[in-house]
Amino acid sequence: MKKEAPLNALASYLPEGTFGQVMDFLVTYKVHLTVTRERSSILGDYRHPDGQGKGHRISINGSLNKYAFLLTLLHEIAHLTTFNKYANRVASHGKEWKQEYTWILHGFVGKNLLPPDVETAVRQSMANPAASSCADENLMRVLKNYDRQKENHFFVEQVPLNGLFKTKDGRVFRRGEKIRKRYRCEEVASNRWYLFSPVYEVELVA
């Protein structure tokens, strides 16, 4: 379900002091912004003008904490500015997008707008921005500190070896060993093995 709200309501989703800068982008590029209920597959989404009257459109999960919401929105704005410069001639998260995202982030660091731990993680990520904050494990761990705590929910890396956990779709897995950057986990019902990111959030099974 999507929620349409006056742009001024956007301030409640953002860290204090960032609303003006964000609004500058939205107004300049005439962005249609939608705040959605939580989507498990994506945090945010950008759609470019379609030539049929629809302009730049961005949707962001409203369940994100304020710092994750800001960074996800800036991530999508970087897709917008990249499209304006290169249209569809460059890779979605290629060097051009990384340059745009880094340039946008520069406007939000060093201004006491972010907590020190988030600021440090963002500065580190600016050297080579990931395709999503979920793909940046260090940034994900830091942003997690500002989430509302869910009972019995942890990252896969926090689940004990051979411990059982449940994913959002209800499937149950047994955590195995770490292989390179991911954890090998066995689905209990099918005995099939899957690889999980260390910072994928799951629910412990007693």
Protein backbone atom coordinates (compact mmCIF):
# COMPACT_ATOMS: atom_id res chain seq x y z
CA MET A 1 0.00 0.00 0.00
CA LYS A 2 1.34 3.42 -0.94
CA LYS A 3 0.90 6.54 1.09
CA GLU A 4 0.59 9.95 -0.53
CA ALA A 5 1.34 12.83 1.83
CA PRO A 6 2.26 16.50 1.63
CA LEU A 7 5.98 16.99 1.15
CA ASN A 8 6.19 18.78 4.50
CA ALA A 9 5.29 15.45 6.14
CA LEU A 10 8.58 14.15 4.75
CA ALA A 11 10.44 15.93 7.57
CA SER A 12 9.23 13.31 10.06
CA TYR A 13 11.07 10.58 8.12
CA LEU A 14 14.39 12.45 7.92
CA PRO A 15 17.18 13.30 10.37
CA GLU A 16 16.91 16.78 11.83
CA GLY A 17 18.53 19.42 9.63
CA THR A 18 18.38 17.48 6.34
CA PHE A 19 14.87 18.38 5.14
CA GLY A 20 15.87 21.60 3.33
CA GLN A 21 18.63 19.96 1.29
CA VAL A 22 16.43 17.01 0.39
CA MET A 23 13.60 19.32 -0.65
CA ASP A 24 15.98 21.23 -2.92
CA PHE A 25 16.52 18.02 -4.92
CA LEU A 26 12.83 17.09 -4.99
CA VAL A 27 11.68 20.53 -6.09
CA THR A 28 14.49 21.08 -8.62
CA TYR A 29 13.81 17.77 -10.38
CA LYS A 30 10.01 17.79 -9.78
CA VAL A 31 10.16 14.38 -8.13
CA HIS A 32 6.97 12.49 -7.31
CA LEU A 33 7.91 10.87 -3.98
CA THR A 34 5.93 7.99 -2.48
CA VAL A 35 6.48 6.54 0.98
CA THR A 36 5.45 2.88 1.04
CA ARG A 37 4.88 0.22 3.61
CA GLU A 38 7.78 -2.15 4.16
CA ARG A 39 8.87 -4.14 1.11
CA SER A 40 11.13 -7.09 1.82
CA SER A 41 12.82 -7.10 -1.59
CA ILE A 42 13.81 -3.44 -1.98
CA LEU A 43 14.35 -0.38 0.21
CA GLY A 44 13.74 2.20 -2.49
CA ASP A 45 13.04 2.56 -6.18
CA TYR A 46 13.59 5.15 -8.93
CA ARG A 47 11.64 5.37 -12.20
CA HIS A 48 12.63 7.83 -14.89
CA PRO A 49 10.15 9.88 -16.97
CA ASP A 50 8.21 7.65 -19.35
CA GLY A 51 7.36 10.16 -22.07
CA GLN A 52 3.66 9.86 -21.26
CA GLY A 53 3.41 12.65 -18.76
CA LYS A 54 4.97 10.93 -15.77
CA GLY A 55 8.12 12.59 -14.45
CA HIS A 56 10.79 11.36 -12.04
CA ARG A 57 9.29 8.97 -9.48
CA ILE A 58 10.91 7.70 -6.29
CA SER A 59 9.44 5.39 -3.66
CA ILE A 60 11.02 4.68 -0.27
CA ASN A 61 10.12 2.22 2.48
CA GLY A 62 8.54 4.21 5.29
CA SER A 63 9.61 1.58 7.84
CA LEU A 64 13.30 2.57 7.59
CA ASN A 65 14.94 4.45 10.43
CA LYS A 66 15.69 8.12 9.70
CA TYR A 67 19.30 7.61 8.67
CA ALA A 68 18.55 4.60 6.46
CA PHE A 69 15.63 6.54 4.92
CA LEU A 70 17.89 9.50 4.10
CA LEU A 71 20.64 7.36 2.56
CA THR A 72 18.15 5.30 0.55
CA LEU A 73 16.50 8.47 -0.77
CA LEU A 74 19.87 9.97 -1.72
CA HIS A 75 20.78 6.67 -3.41
CA GLU A 76 17.66 6.97 -5.59
CA ILE A 77 18.26 10.67 -6.27
CA ALA A 78 21.69 9.66 -7.56
CA HIS A 79 19.93 7.37 -10.05
CA LEU A 80 17.87 10.39 -11.13
CA THR A 81 20.85 12.68 -11.68
CA THR A 82 22.71 9.87 -13.46
CA PHE A 83 19.74 9.36 -15.79
CA ASN A 84 19.59 13.10 -16.49
CA LYS A 85 23.21 13.06 -17.60
CA TYR A 86 23.52 9.70 -19.34
CA ALA A 87 19.96 8.39 -19.92
CA ASN A 88 20.16 4.58 -20.22
CA ARG A 89 23.66 4.52 -21.67
CA VAL A 90 25.45 3.51 -18.45
CA ALA A 91 25.25 0.62 -15.96
CA SER A 92 22.71 0.98 -13.17
CA HIS A 93 25.34 1.09 -10.41
CA GLY A 94 28.37 1.82 -12.55
CA LYS A 95 31.09 4.42 -12.08
CA GLU A 96 28.81 7.25 -13.23
CA TRP A 97 26.20 6.47 -10.57
CA LYS A 98 28.92 6.07 -7.94
CA GLN A 99 30.28 9.51 -8.82
CA GLU A 100 26.83 11.06 -8.56
CA TYR A 101 26.04 9.36 -5.24
CA THR A 102 29.39 10.33 -3.74
CA TRP A 103 28.88 13.94 -4.85
CA ILE A 104 25.42 14.02 -3.25
CA LEU A 105 26.69 12.44 -0.01
CA HIS A 106 29.38 15.13 0.26
CA GLY A 107 26.57 17.60 0.92
CA PHE A 108 25.51 15.72 4.05
CA VAL A 109 28.81 14.82 5.77
CA GLY A 110 30.88 17.07 7.97
CA LYS A 111 27.82 19.08 9.04
CA ASN A 112 26.83 17.31 12.27
CA LEU A 113 23.72 15.93 10.55
CA LEU A 114 24.61 12.29 11.22
CA PRO A 115 25.67 10.46 14.40
CA PRO A 116 29.46 9.88 14.53
CA ASP A 117 29.19 6.14 13.80
CA VAL A 118 26.90 6.69 10.80
CA GLU A 119 29.09 9.55 9.56
CA THR A 120 32.20 7.35 9.72
CA ALA A 121 30.49 4.46 7.91
CA VAL A 122 29.15 6.79 5.20
CA ARG A 123 32.59 8.34 4.66
CA GLN A 124 34.08 4.86 4.30
CA SER A 125 31.38 3.85 1.82
CA MET A 126 31.97 6.94 -0.32
CA ALA A 127 35.26 5.47 -1.56
CA ASN A 128 33.28 2.84 -3.47
CA PRO A 129 29.51 3.01 -2.90
CA ALA A 130 27.69 -0.33 -2.88
CA ALA A 131 24.66 -1.03 -5.05
CA SER A 132 22.55 -0.81 -1.88
CA SER A 133 23.07 -0.11 1.80
CA CYS A 134 22.27 -3.78 2.35
CA ALA A 135 25.32 -4.68 0.27
CA ASP A 136 27.55 -2.49 2.46
CA GLU A 137 27.88 -4.74 5.50
CA ASN A 138 29.66 -2.21 7.71
CA LEU A 139 27.09 0.51 6.99
CA MET A 140 24.24 -1.97 7.50
CA ARG A 141 25.54 -2.94 10.96
CA VAL A 142 25.77 0.71 11.98
CA LEU A 143 22.33 1.65 10.64
CA LYS A 144 20.85 -1.35 12.48
CA ASN A 145 21.70 0.40 15.78
CA TYR A 146 18.99 2.97 15.02
CA ASP A 147 16.20 0.52 14.14
CA ARG A 148 13.31 -0.14 16.50
CA GLN A 149 14.30 -3.34 18.24
CA LYS A 150 12.34 -6.41 17.15
CA GLU A 151 12.15 -9.19 19.68
CA ASN A 152 14.20 -12.26 18.76
CA HIS A 153 15.48 -10.78 15.46
CA PHE A 154 19.19 -10.92 14.62
CA PHE A 155 21.62 -10.88 11.72
CA VAL A 156 22.55 -14.28 10.31
CA GLU A 157 26.11 -13.76 11.57
CA GLN A 158 24.71 -13.54 15.12
CA VAL A 159 22.92 -16.90 14.90
CA PRO A 160 24.95 -19.69 16.60
CA LEU A 161 26.45 -22.41 14.42
CA ASN A 162 23.73 -25.05 13.76
CA GLY A 163 21.17 -22.67 15.24
CA LEU A 164 17.75 -22.46 13.58
CA PHE A 165 16.30 -19.28 12.15
CA LYS A 166 13.24 -18.25 10.17
CA THR A 167 13.14 -15.88 7.19
CA LYS A 168 10.35 -13.40 6.48
CA ASP A 169 8.57 -15.91 4.24
CA GLY A 170 8.39 -18.43 7.09
CA ARG A 171 11.04 -20.87 5.88
CA VAL A 172 13.32 -22.38 8.55
CA PHE A 173 17.08 -22.78 8.08
CA ARG A 174 20.02 -24.19 10.03
CA ARG A 175 23.06 -21.93 10.02
CA GLY A 176 26.23 -23.51 8.73
CA GLU A 177 29.81 -22.35 8.25
CA LYS A 178 30.88 -19.10 6.65
CA ILE A 179 32.19 -19.53 3.11
CA ARG A 180 34.13 -16.50 1.98
CA LYS A 181 31.70 -13.63 2.57
CA ARG A 182 28.44 -15.55 3.06
CA TYR A 183 26.97 -18.17 5.37
CA ARG A 184 25.96 -21.57 4.04
CA CYS A 185 22.59 -22.48 5.52
CA GLU A 186 20.41 -25.57 5.09
CA GLU A 187 16.67 -25.25 4.59
CA VAL A 188 15.20 -27.73 7.07
CA ALA A 189 12.17 -28.73 4.96
CA SER A 190 14.04 -29.44 1.71
CA ASN A 191 17.63 -30.11 2.87
CA ARG A 192 18.77 -27.64 0.21
CA TRP A 193 21.65 -25.27 0.90
CA TYR A 194 21.51 -21.50 0.44
CA LEU A 195 23.99 -18.67 0.90
CA PHE A 196 23.05 -15.76 3.17
CA SER A 197 24.58 -12.35 3.70
CA PRO A 198 26.01 -11.95 7.23
CA VAL A 199 23.75 -8.93 7.74
CA TYR A 200 20.48 -10.49 6.55
CA GLU A 201 17.92 -10.10 9.34
CA VAL A 202 16.20 -13.28 10.54
CA GLU A 203 14.15 -14.52 13.48
CA LEU A 204 15.63 -17.09 15.86
CA VAL A 205 13.71 -20.35 16.27
CA ALA A 206 13.74 -21.82 19.75
